[in-house]
């Protein structure tokens, strides 16, 4: 008696097909999972809040402005404890503010471009008007401003003479105050402690 091997192989084929399909489905799922995770990650990245600036005298997204600009929101300033121009200089790349004390004029340096601070009067407390101009809204400012009720600070690096005139060879700094709101009440309190000690002559001659 002779057996036909083709019949044996043909009977085994239907039993293997479900196993093959199951393995293919598992492998395909493993290949799709990383791509799905990447797509979900891209969607989460795209949900970042848009930053709107007015450096060009109109509201635009900071990504669409053809300027080298750094925008610091009021919320980020409060969270990081930034309360002065000197501290802003530590947060913005390319900007350095030389703190020379209360009576000294703080020199504003952008990208290493330095000039003597404005010296028309001792009342002028920073280097604004030399190579970097400082503004509150559209009003020139020549003193360091305490950052209270600030909506946003815009730091423009590079010459800004077209929009902001002379004294902006290095750049410009704009403080944008918050608009008045009557929806709520905000209260802030501060306290300070000072001590002064005197010493007499130590007796040395």
N, C-alpha and C. Protein backbone atom coordinates (compact mmCIF):
# COMPACT_ATOMS: atom_id res chain seq x y z
N UNK A 1 0.84 -1.20 0.00
CA UNK A 1 0.00 0.00 0.00
C UNK A 1 0.87 1.25 0.00
N UNK A 2 0.48 2.18 -0.82
CA UNK A 2 1.25 3.43 -0.91
C UNK A 2 0.39 4.59 -0.42
N UNK A 3 1.07 5.50 0.26
CA UNK A 3 0.38 6.70 0.78
C UNK A 3 0.76 7.93 -0.05
N UNK A 4 -0.16 8.82 -0.17
CA UNK A 4 0.08 10.05 -0.93
C UNK A 4 0.50 11.16 0.03
N UNK A 5 1.78 11.57 -0.03
CA UNK A 5 2.23 12.60 0.91
C UNK A 5 1.56 13.95 0.68
N UNK A 6 1.08 14.17 -0.52
CA UNK A 6 0.44 15.46 -0.79
C UNK A 6 -0.83 15.63 0.03
N UNK A 7 -1.53 14.51 0.22
CA UNK A 7 -2.76 14.59 1.02
C UNK A 7 -2.47 14.94 2.46
N UNK A 8 -1.38 14.37 3.02
CA UNK A 8 -1.03 14.68 4.41
C UNK A 8 -0.68 16.15 4.57
N UNK A 9 0.13 16.69 3.63
CA UNK A 9 0.51 18.11 3.75
C UNK A 9 -0.70 19.02 3.54
N UNK A 10 -1.59 18.61 2.69
CA UNK A 10 -2.78 19.44 2.47
C UNK A 10 -3.70 19.47 3.67
N UNK A 11 -3.76 18.38 4.44
CA UNK A 11 -4.61 18.38 5.63
C UNK A 11 -4.02 19.22 6.76
N UNK A 12 -2.69 19.35 6.80
CA UNK A 12 -2.07 20.12 7.89
C UNK A 12 -2.16 21.62 7.67
N UNK A 13 -2.32 22.07 6.44
CA UNK A 13 -2.32 23.51 6.13
C UNK A 13 -3.44 24.28 6.82
N UNK A 14 -4.70 23.79 6.81
CA UNK A 14 -5.75 24.56 7.49
C UNK A 14 -5.52 24.74 8.97
N UNK A 15 -4.85 23.81 9.64
CA UNK A 15 -4.60 23.95 11.07
C UNK A 15 -3.57 25.01 11.37
N UNK A 16 -2.66 25.30 10.45
CA UNK A 16 -1.62 26.28 10.70
C UNK A 16 -2.08 27.71 10.42
N UNK A 17 -3.10 27.86 9.62
CA UNK A 17 -3.51 29.20 9.20
C UNK A 17 -3.97 30.07 10.37
N UNK A 18 -4.80 29.63 11.30
CA UNK A 18 -5.19 30.50 12.44
C UNK A 18 -4.01 30.95 13.28
N UNK A 19 -3.03 30.05 13.48
CA UNK A 19 -1.85 30.42 14.26
C UNK A 19 -1.04 31.48 13.54
N UNK A 20 -0.91 31.34 12.23
CA UNK A 20 -0.16 32.33 11.45
C UNK A 20 -0.84 33.69 11.49
N UNK A 21 -2.16 33.70 11.36
CA UNK A 21 -2.89 34.97 11.41
C UNK A 21 -2.77 35.63 12.78
N UNK A 22 -2.80 34.84 13.85
CA UNK A 22 -2.68 35.40 15.20
C UNK A 22 -1.32 36.04 15.41
N UNK A 23 -0.25 35.35 14.96
CA UNK A 23 1.10 35.91 15.10
C UNK A 23 1.25 37.18 14.28
N UNK A 24 0.67 37.21 13.09
CA UNK A 24 0.76 38.41 12.26
C UNK A 24 0.06 39.59 12.92
N UNK A 25 -1.08 39.33 13.55
CA UNK A 25 -1.81 40.41 14.22
C UNK A 25 -1.03 40.97 15.40
N UNK A 26 -0.37 40.09 16.17
CA UNK A 26 0.43 40.54 17.31
C UNK A 26 1.60 41.39 16.85
N UNK A 27 2.30 40.93 15.80
CA UNK A 27 3.44 41.69 15.29
C UNK A 27 3.00 43.04 14.73
N UNK A 28 1.89 43.06 14.02
CA UNK A 28 1.41 44.32 13.46
C UNK A 28 1.04 45.31 14.56
N UNK A 29 0.45 44.81 15.64
CA UNK A 29 0.09 45.68 16.75
C UNK A 29 1.34 46.29 17.39
N UNK A 30 2.40 45.50 17.49
CA UNK A 30 3.64 46.02 18.05
C UNK A 30 4.27 47.09 17.19
N UNK A 31 4.08 46.98 15.86
CA UNK A 31 4.63 47.99 14.97
C UNK A 31 3.80 49.27 14.98
N UNK A 32 2.48 49.15 15.15
CA UNK A 32 1.63 50.34 15.15
C UNK A 32 1.71 51.13 16.44
N UNK A 33 1.98 50.48 17.55
CA UNK A 33 1.93 51.14 18.86
C UNK A 33 2.90 52.31 18.95
N UNK A 34 4.20 52.18 18.56
CA UNK A 34 5.09 53.35 18.64
C UNK A 34 4.62 54.52 17.80
N UNK A 35 4.09 54.24 16.60
CA UNK A 35 3.62 55.34 15.76
C UNK A 35 2.43 56.05 16.38
N UNK A 36 1.54 55.29 17.02
CA UNK A 36 0.39 55.91 17.69
C UNK A 36 0.85 56.77 18.86
N UNK A 37 1.84 56.28 19.62
CA UNK A 37 2.36 57.06 20.73
C UNK A 37 3.02 58.34 20.23
N UNK A 38 3.74 58.26 19.12
CA UNK A 38 4.38 59.45 18.57
C UNK A 38 3.35 60.48 18.13
N UNK A 39 2.24 59.99 17.52
CA UNK A 39 1.20 60.91 17.11
C UNK A 39 0.55 61.59 18.31
N UNK A 40 0.29 60.83 19.37
CA UNK A 40 -0.30 61.43 20.57
C UNK A 40 0.65 62.43 21.20
N UNK A 41 1.97 62.14 21.17
CA UNK A 41 2.93 63.09 21.70
C UNK A 41 2.96 64.37 20.91
N UNK A 42 2.84 64.27 19.56
CA UNK A 42 2.80 65.46 18.73
C UNK A 42 1.56 66.29 19.03
N UNK A 43 0.43 65.62 19.27
CA UNK A 43 -0.79 66.36 19.59
C UNK A 43 -0.65 67.11 20.91
N UNK A 44 -0.01 66.49 21.91
CA UNK A 44 0.18 67.16 23.19
C UNK A 44 1.11 68.36 23.03
N UNK A 45 2.17 68.23 22.22
CA UNK A 45 3.08 69.33 22.00
C UNK A 45 2.38 70.49 21.31
N UNK A 46 1.48 70.20 20.42
CA UNK A 46 0.79 71.25 19.68
C UNK A 46 -0.19 72.04 20.54
N UNK A 47 -0.46 71.58 21.75
CA UNK A 47 -1.42 72.25 22.62
C UNK A 47 -0.80 73.35 23.46
N UNK A 48 0.47 73.70 23.26
CA UNK A 48 1.11 74.75 24.03
C UNK A 48 0.42 76.08 23.76
N UNK A 49 0.32 76.91 24.80
CA UNK A 49 -0.35 78.20 24.67
C UNK A 49 0.44 79.11 23.73
N UNK A 50 -0.27 79.83 22.89
CA UNK A 50 0.36 80.76 21.96
C UNK A 50 0.71 82.05 22.68
N UNK A 51 1.92 82.57 22.45
CA UNK A 51 2.38 83.80 23.06
C UNK A 51 2.19 84.93 22.06
N UNK A 52 1.42 85.94 22.43
CA UNK A 52 1.15 87.09 21.56
C UNK A 52 1.95 88.28 22.04
N UNK A 53 2.64 88.95 21.11
CA UNK A 53 3.46 90.11 21.44
C UNK A 53 3.01 91.28 20.56
N UNK A 54 3.40 92.50 20.97
CA UNK A 54 3.05 93.72 20.22
C UNK A 54 4.29 94.53 19.91
N UNK A 55 5.42 93.87 19.73
CA UNK A 55 6.67 94.57 19.49
C UNK A 55 6.64 95.35 18.18
N UNK A 56 5.88 94.90 17.20
CA UNK A 56 5.78 95.59 15.91
C UNK A 56 4.58 96.52 15.84
N UNK A 57 4.06 96.92 17.01
CA UNK A 57 2.91 97.82 17.13
C UNK A 57 1.60 97.16 16.69
N UNK A 58 1.58 95.85 16.58
CA UNK A 58 0.34 95.11 16.33
C UNK A 58 0.48 93.74 16.97
N UNK A 59 -0.64 93.16 17.36
CA UNK A 59 -0.63 91.87 18.05
C UNK A 59 -0.31 90.76 17.06
N UNK A 60 0.76 89.99 17.36
CA UNK A 60 1.17 88.88 16.52
C UNK A 60 1.69 87.76 17.41
N UNK A 61 1.69 86.56 16.86
CA UNK A 61 2.31 85.44 17.56
C UNK A 61 3.81 85.65 17.60
N UNK A 62 4.44 85.31 18.72
CA UNK A 62 5.87 85.51 18.85
C UNK A 62 6.64 84.70 17.81
N UNK A 63 6.06 83.62 17.29
CA UNK A 63 6.72 82.82 16.27
C UNK A 63 6.66 83.47 14.89
N UNK A 64 5.73 84.42 14.69
CA UNK A 64 5.59 85.06 13.39
C UNK A 64 6.30 86.40 13.30
N UNK A 65 6.79 86.92 14.41
CA UNK A 65 7.46 88.22 14.41
C UNK A 65 8.87 88.07 13.83
N UNK A 66 9.24 88.85 12.82
CA UNK A 66 10.58 88.73 12.22
C UNK A 66 11.65 89.44 13.03
N UNK A 67 11.65 89.25 14.33
CA UNK A 67 12.62 89.88 15.22
C UNK A 67 13.14 88.85 16.20
N UNK A 68 14.32 89.13 16.74
CA UNK A 68 14.85 88.29 17.82
C UNK A 68 14.27 88.83 19.11
N UNK A 69 13.26 88.16 19.62
CA UNK A 69 12.50 88.68 20.76
C UNK A 69 12.29 87.58 21.79
N UNK A 70 12.39 87.98 23.06
CA UNK A 70 12.07 87.10 24.18
C UNK A 70 10.91 87.72 24.94
N UNK A 71 9.86 86.96 25.17
CA UNK A 71 8.68 87.45 25.87
C UNK A 71 8.53 86.70 27.19
N UNK A 72 8.40 87.46 28.28
CA UNK A 72 8.23 86.89 29.61
C UNK A 72 6.86 87.31 30.13
N UNK A 73 6.00 86.35 30.39
CA UNK A 73 4.66 86.67 30.88
C UNK A 73 4.70 87.04 32.36
N UNK A 74 3.67 87.75 32.79
CA UNK A 74 3.59 88.13 34.20
C UNK A 74 3.52 86.94 35.12
N UNK A 75 2.83 85.88 34.69
CA UNK A 75 2.73 84.67 35.51
C UNK A 75 4.09 84.02 35.70
N UNK A 76 4.87 83.93 34.62
CA UNK A 76 6.20 83.31 34.74
C UNK A 76 7.13 84.16 35.59
N UNK A 77 6.99 85.49 35.53
CA UNK A 77 7.81 86.36 36.36
C UNK A 77 7.51 86.14 37.84
N UNK A 78 6.23 86.00 38.18
CA UNK A 78 5.87 85.76 39.58
C UNK A 78 6.33 84.39 40.04
N UNK A 79 6.18 83.38 39.20
CA UNK A 79 6.58 82.02 39.59
C UNK A 79 8.08 81.93 39.82
N UNK A 80 8.87 82.66 39.03
CA UNK A 80 10.32 82.61 39.16
C UNK A 80 10.86 83.65 40.13
N UNK A 81 9.99 84.49 40.69
CA UNK A 81 10.42 85.50 41.65
C UNK A 81 11.20 86.64 41.04
N UNK A 82 10.96 86.95 39.77
CA UNK A 82 11.66 88.04 39.08
C UNK A 82 10.94 89.35 39.39
N UNK A 83 11.67 90.32 39.94
CA UNK A 83 11.05 91.58 40.34
C UNK A 83 11.82 92.81 39.90
N UNK A 84 12.88 92.66 39.11
CA UNK A 84 13.67 93.81 38.70
C UNK A 84 14.30 93.55 37.34
N UNK A 85 14.81 94.63 36.75
CA UNK A 85 15.47 94.52 35.45
C UNK A 85 16.73 93.68 35.55
N UNK A 86 17.43 93.76 36.66
CA UNK A 86 18.64 92.95 36.85
C UNK A 86 18.31 91.47 36.78
N UNK A 87 17.20 91.07 37.40
CA UNK A 87 16.81 89.66 37.39
C UNK A 87 16.30 89.23 36.02
N UNK A 88 15.70 90.16 35.26
CA UNK A 88 15.33 89.84 33.88
C UNK A 88 16.57 89.52 33.06
N UNK A 89 17.65 90.27 33.32
CA UNK A 89 18.89 90.02 32.60
C UNK A 89 19.44 88.63 32.81
N UNK A 90 19.10 88.02 33.95
CA UNK A 90 19.56 86.65 34.20
C UNK A 90 18.68 85.62 33.50
N UNK A 91 17.52 86.03 33.02
CA UNK A 91 16.58 85.09 32.41
C UNK A 91 16.58 85.12 30.89
N UNK A 92 17.14 86.17 30.29
CA UNK A 92 17.09 86.33 28.84
C UNK A 92 18.49 86.15 28.26
N UNK A 93 18.70 85.18 27.38
CA UNK A 93 20.01 84.99 26.75
C UNK A 93 20.39 86.22 25.92
N UNK A 94 21.63 86.66 26.04
CA UNK A 94 22.11 87.80 25.28
C UNK A 94 21.91 89.13 25.97
N UNK A 95 21.20 89.15 27.10
CA UNK A 95 20.95 90.38 27.85
C UNK A 95 21.66 90.31 29.19
N UNK A 96 22.40 91.38 29.52
CA UNK A 96 23.09 91.45 30.80
C UNK A 96 22.91 92.85 31.36
N UNK A 97 22.52 92.93 32.62
CA UNK A 97 22.33 94.21 33.30
C UNK A 97 23.34 94.29 34.43
N UNK A 98 24.22 95.26 34.34
CA UNK A 98 25.26 95.45 35.35
C UNK A 98 24.68 96.25 36.51
N UNK A 99 24.46 95.58 37.63
CA UNK A 99 23.88 96.21 38.81
C UNK A 99 24.96 96.99 39.55
N UNK A 100 24.81 98.31 39.58
CA UNK A 100 25.80 99.17 40.25
C UNK A 100 25.22 99.85 41.48
N UNK A 101 24.17 99.27 42.05
CA UNK A 101 23.63 99.82 43.27
C UNK A 101 22.53 100.82 43.02
N UNK A 102 21.97 101.33 44.13
CA UNK A 102 20.83 102.23 44.03
C UNK A 102 21.14 103.55 43.36
N UNK A 103 22.30 104.16 43.66
CA UNK A 103 22.63 105.47 43.09
C UNK A 103 23.34 105.34 41.76
N UNK A 104 23.93 104.19 41.47
CA UNK A 104 24.63 104.04 40.21
C UNK A 104 23.67 103.73 39.08
N UNK A 105 24.07 104.12 37.87
CA UNK A 105 23.25 103.82 36.70
C UNK A 105 23.56 102.41 36.23
N UNK A 106 22.55 101.56 36.20
CA UNK A 106 22.74 100.17 35.79
C UNK A 106 22.92 100.10 34.28
N UNK A 107 24.06 99.63 33.84
CA UNK A 107 24.34 99.55 32.41
C UNK A 107 23.64 98.34 31.82
N UNK A 108 22.92 98.54 30.71
CA UNK A 108 22.23 97.47 30.01
C UNK A 108 23.09 97.05 28.82
N UNK A 109 23.47 95.80 28.79
CA UNK A 109 24.38 95.29 27.76
C UNK A 109 23.65 94.20 26.97
N UNK A 110 23.63 94.33 25.66
CA UNK A 110 23.00 93.35 24.78
C UNK A 110 24.05 92.80 23.83
N UNK A 111 24.23 91.48 23.86
CA UNK A 111 25.17 90.80 22.98
C UNK A 111 26.57 91.38 23.07
N UNK A 112 26.95 91.82 24.25
CA UNK A 112 28.28 92.36 24.46
C UNK A 112 28.45 93.80 24.04
N UNK A 113 27.41 94.43 23.47
CA UNK A 113 27.50 95.82 23.05
C UNK A 113 27.29 96.71 24.26
N UNK A 114 28.31 97.48 24.60
CA UNK A 114 28.29 98.26 25.83
C UNK A 114 28.57 99.72 25.51
N UNK A 115 28.02 100.59 26.29
CA UNK A 115 28.28 102.02 26.20
C UNK A 115 28.09 102.60 27.58
N UNK A 116 28.62 103.80 27.80
CA UNK A 116 28.46 104.43 29.11
C UNK A 116 26.98 104.68 29.38
N UNK A 117 26.52 104.44 30.62
CA UNK A 117 25.12 104.71 30.94
C UNK A 117 24.80 106.19 30.81
N UNK A 118 23.56 106.49 30.54
CA UNK A 118 23.15 107.87 30.35
C UNK A 118 23.48 108.68 31.60
N UNK A 119 24.07 109.85 31.44
CA UNK A 119 24.59 110.60 32.58
C UNK A 119 24.06 112.03 32.61
N UNK A 120 22.90 112.28 32.00
CA UNK A 120 22.36 113.63 32.00
C UNK A 120 21.92 114.05 33.39
N UNK A 121 21.52 113.10 34.22
CA UNK A 121 21.07 113.40 35.57
C UNK A 121 21.25 112.17 36.43
N UNK A 122 21.53 112.39 37.71
CA UNK A 122 21.66 111.25 38.62
C UNK A 122 20.31 110.58 38.86
N UNK A 123 19.21 111.26 38.52
CA UNK A 123 17.89 110.67 38.72
C UNK A 123 17.61 109.56 37.72
N UNK A 124 18.37 109.53 36.64
CA UNK A 124 18.17 108.48 35.64
C UNK A 124 18.88 107.24 36.12
N UNK A 125 18.11 106.19 36.40
CA UNK A 125 18.66 105.06 37.12
C UNK A 125 19.11 103.88 36.30
N UNK A 126 19.05 103.93 34.97
CA UNK A 126 19.59 102.81 34.21
C UNK A 126 20.22 103.31 32.92
N UNK A 127 20.72 102.38 32.14
CA UNK A 127 21.41 102.74 30.91
C UNK A 127 20.49 102.95 29.74
N UNK A 128 19.18 103.03 29.96
CA UNK A 128 18.25 103.26 28.87
C UNK A 128 18.55 104.57 28.16
N UNK A 129 18.49 104.55 26.84
CA UNK A 129 18.80 105.73 26.06
C UNK A 129 20.22 105.72 25.54
N UNK A 130 21.05 104.79 25.99
CA UNK A 130 22.40 104.67 25.45
C UNK A 130 22.38 103.80 24.21
N UNK A 131 22.44 102.50 24.40
CA UNK A 131 22.31 101.56 23.29
C UNK A 131 21.06 100.71 23.39
N UNK A 132 20.37 100.76 24.52
CA UNK A 132 19.14 100.00 24.73
C UNK A 132 18.08 100.93 25.30
N UNK A 133 16.92 100.98 24.68
CA UNK A 133 15.82 101.82 25.15
C UNK A 133 14.86 100.99 25.98
N UNK A 134 14.31 101.60 27.02
CA UNK A 134 13.31 100.93 27.86
C UNK A 134 12.00 101.72 27.79
N UNK A 135 10.89 100.99 27.75
CA UNK A 135 9.58 101.60 27.59
C UNK A 135 8.58 100.97 28.55
N UNK A 136 7.62 101.79 29.00
CA UNK A 136 6.40 101.29 29.64
C UNK A 136 5.29 101.53 28.63
N UNK A 137 4.84 100.49 27.97
CA UNK A 137 3.94 100.68 26.85
C UNK A 137 4.69 101.37 25.72
N UNK A 138 4.29 102.60 25.41
CA UNK A 138 4.95 103.39 24.38
C UNK A 138 5.69 104.58 24.97
N UNK A 139 5.82 104.64 26.29
CA UNK A 139 6.44 105.79 26.96
C UNK A 139 7.87 105.44 27.34
N UNK A 140 8.86 106.25 26.92
CA UNK A 140 10.25 105.96 27.30
C UNK A 140 10.43 106.02 28.81
N UNK A 141 11.29 105.16 29.31
CA UNK A 141 11.54 105.05 30.75
C UNK A 141 13.04 105.00 30.98
N UNK A 142 13.52 105.79 31.94
CA UNK A 142 14.95 105.83 32.21
C UNK A 142 15.28 105.43 33.64
N UNK A 143 14.37 104.76 34.30
CA UNK A 143 14.63 104.24 35.64
C UNK A 143 14.24 102.77 35.67
N UNK A 144 14.81 102.02 36.59
CA UNK A 144 14.45 100.61 36.72
C UNK A 144 13.05 100.51 37.31
N UNK A 145 12.21 99.75 36.66
CA UNK A 145 10.81 99.62 37.06
C UNK A 145 10.62 98.37 37.89
N UNK A 146 9.94 98.53 39.03
CA UNK A 146 9.59 97.35 39.82
C UNK A 146 8.43 96.64 39.13
N UNK A 147 8.56 95.34 38.97
CA UNK A 147 7.62 94.58 38.15
C UNK A 147 6.35 94.26 38.94
N UNK A 148 5.44 95.22 38.97
CA UNK A 148 4.15 95.06 39.62
C UNK A 148 3.05 95.27 38.58
N UNK A 149 2.05 94.38 38.59
CA UNK A 149 0.93 94.48 37.65
C UNK A 149 1.41 94.52 36.21
N UNK A 150 2.37 93.65 35.91
CA UNK A 150 2.92 93.57 34.56
C UNK A 150 2.30 92.38 33.84
N UNK A 151 1.76 92.63 32.67
CA UNK A 151 1.21 91.54 31.87
C UNK A 151 2.30 90.78 31.13
N UNK A 152 3.31 91.53 30.64
CA UNK A 152 4.34 90.89 29.83
C UNK A 152 5.54 91.82 29.71
N UNK A 153 6.72 91.24 29.60
CA UNK A 153 7.94 91.98 29.31
C UNK A 153 8.50 91.45 28.00
N UNK A 154 8.74 92.35 27.05
CA UNK A 154 9.30 91.98 25.76
C UNK A 154 10.71 92.53 25.65
N UNK A 155 11.66 91.66 25.34
CA UNK A 155 13.06 92.06 25.17
C UNK A 155 13.41 91.85 23.71
N UNK A 156 13.68 92.94 23.00
CA UNK A 156 14.03 92.89 21.58
C UNK A 156 15.53 93.04 21.45
N UNK A 157 16.18 92.06 20.87
CA UNK A 157 17.63 92.07 20.72
C UNK A 157 17.99 92.50 19.30
N UNK A 158 18.95 93.42 19.20
CA UNK A 158 19.35 93.93 17.90
C UNK A 158 18.80 95.32 17.64
N UNK A 159 19.31 96.02 16.63
CA UNK A 159 18.89 97.39 16.34
C UNK A 159 17.38 97.49 16.10
N UNK A 160 16.75 98.50 16.72
CA UNK A 160 15.31 98.71 16.60
C UNK A 160 14.99 100.15 16.22
N UNK A 161 15.89 100.79 15.47
CA UNK A 161 15.72 102.20 15.15
C UNK A 161 14.50 102.51 14.32
N UNK A 162 14.05 101.58 13.48
CA UNK A 162 12.89 101.84 12.62
C UNK A 162 11.63 102.10 13.43
N UNK A 163 11.41 101.31 14.48
CA UNK A 163 10.19 101.44 15.27
C UNK A 163 10.39 102.27 16.54
N UNK A 164 11.60 102.28 17.09
CA UNK A 164 11.80 102.89 18.40
C UNK A 164 12.83 104.02 18.40
N UNK A 165 13.33 104.41 17.25
CA UNK A 165 14.16 105.60 17.16
C UNK A 165 15.58 105.41 17.68
N UNK A 166 16.20 106.56 17.98
CA UNK A 166 17.59 106.55 18.43
C UNK A 166 17.72 105.90 19.79
N UNK A 167 18.93 105.47 20.09
CA UNK A 167 19.18 104.85 21.38
C UNK A 167 18.78 103.40 21.44
N UNK A 168 18.58 102.75 20.29
CA UNK A 168 18.19 101.33 20.29
C UNK A 168 19.14 100.51 19.42
N UNK A 169 20.40 100.91 19.38
CA UNK A 169 21.37 100.16 18.59
C UNK A 169 21.53 98.73 19.10
N UNK A 170 21.44 98.56 20.42
CA UNK A 170 21.54 97.22 20.99
C UNK A 170 20.21 96.50 21.07
N UNK A 171 19.13 97.26 21.29
CA UNK A 171 17.81 96.63 21.40
C UNK A 171 16.86 97.51 22.19
N UNK A 172 15.76 96.93 22.60
CA UNK A 172 14.74 97.65 23.37
C UNK A 172 14.07 96.69 24.34
N UNK A 173 13.64 97.24 25.47
CA UNK A 173 12.92 96.48 26.49
C UNK A 173 11.59 97.17 26.73
N UNK A 174 10.50 96.40 26.62
CA UNK A 174 9.15 96.95 26.77
C UNK A 174 8.45 96.28 27.94
N UNK A 175 7.93 97.11 28.85
CA UNK A 175 7.09 96.63 29.95
C UNK A 175 5.63 96.88 29.55
N UNK A 176 4.84 95.83 29.49
CA UNK A 176 3.43 95.95 29.14
C UNK A 176 2.60 95.77 30.40
N UNK A 177 2.00 96.84 30.94
CA UNK A 177 1.20 96.71 32.17
C UNK A 177 -0.13 96.02 31.91
N UNK A 178 -0.69 95.49 32.98
CA UNK A 178 -2.01 94.85 32.88
C UNK A 178 -3.09 95.90 32.66
N UNK A 179 -4.14 95.49 31.97
CA UNK A 179 -5.30 96.35 31.82
C UNK A 179 -6.11 96.35 33.12
N UNK A 180 -6.75 97.47 33.45
CA UNK A 180 -7.55 97.51 34.68
C UNK A 180 -8.66 96.47 34.65
N UNK A 181 -8.89 95.86 35.79
CA UNK A 181 -9.95 94.86 35.92
C UNK A 181 -10.70 95.11 37.23
N UNK A 182 -12.02 95.03 37.16
CA UNK A 182 -12.86 95.25 38.33
C UNK A 182 -13.58 93.98 38.75
N UNK A 183 -13.08 92.84 38.31
CA UNK A 183 -13.73 91.56 38.61
C UNK A 183 -13.31 90.99 39.96
N UNK A 184 -12.21 91.44 40.52
CA UNK A 184 -11.74 90.87 41.77
C UNK A 184 -10.89 91.86 42.54
N UNK A 185 -10.44 91.44 43.70
CA UNK A 185 -9.61 92.27 44.57
C UNK A 185 -8.32 91.52 44.86
N UNK A 186 -7.21 92.21 44.78
CA UNK A 186 -5.90 91.61 45.05
C UNK A 186 -5.19 92.44 46.10
N UNK A 187 -4.64 91.77 47.08
CA UNK A 187 -3.95 92.44 48.18
C UNK A 187 -2.57 91.84 48.36
N UNK A 188 -1.56 92.69 48.46
CA UNK A 188 -0.19 92.26 48.68
C UNK A 188 0.36 93.00 49.89
N UNK A 189 1.16 92.31 50.67
CA UNK A 189 1.77 92.90 51.86
C UNK A 189 3.25 92.51 51.91
N UNK A 190 4.09 93.45 52.33
CA UNK A 190 5.52 93.20 52.46
C UNK A 190 5.99 93.72 53.81
N UNK A 191 7.03 93.12 54.29
CA UNK A 191 7.64 93.58 55.54
C UNK A 191 9.15 93.51 55.40
N UNK A 192 9.83 94.40 56.07
CA UNK A 192 11.30 94.44 56.03
C UNK A 192 11.82 94.66 57.44
N UNK A 193 13.01 94.19 57.69
CA UNK A 193 13.65 94.33 58.99
C UNK A 193 15.07 94.84 58.79
N UNK A 194 15.38 95.93 59.46
CA UNK A 194 16.70 96.53 59.33
C UNK A 194 17.34 96.63 60.72
N UNK A 195 18.64 96.61 60.72
CA UNK A 195 19.38 96.73 61.98
C UNK A 195 20.62 97.58 61.73
N UNK A 196 20.91 98.48 62.64
CA UNK A 196 22.06 99.37 62.51
C UNK A 196 22.85 99.32 63.81
N UNK A 197 24.12 99.06 63.69
CA UNK A 197 24.98 98.97 64.87
C UNK A 197 26.12 99.98 64.75
N UNK A 198 26.49 100.55 65.89
CA UNK A 198 27.58 101.52 65.92
C UNK A 198 28.70 100.97 66.79
N UNK A 199 29.89 101.37 66.45
CA UNK A 199 31.05 100.93 67.22
C UNK A 199 31.92 102.14 67.54
N UNK A 200 32.41 102.18 68.74
CA UNK A 200 33.31 103.25 69.13
C UNK A 200 34.74 102.96 68.70
N UNK A 201 35.63 103.83 69.11
CA UNK A 201 37.04 103.67 68.76
C UNK A 201 37.59 102.41 69.42
N UNK A 202 38.39 101.67 68.69
CA UNK A 202 38.99 100.45 69.22
C UNK A 202 40.25 100.73 70.04
N UNK A 203 40.68 102.01 70.11
CA UNK A 203 41.83 102.36 70.94
C UNK A 203 43.17 102.23 70.25
N UNK A 204 43.16 101.95 68.96
CA UNK A 204 44.45 101.84 68.26
C UNK A 204 44.93 103.21 67.83
N UNK A 205 46.22 103.40 67.80
CA UNK A 205 46.82 104.67 67.37
C UNK A 205 47.71 104.44 66.19
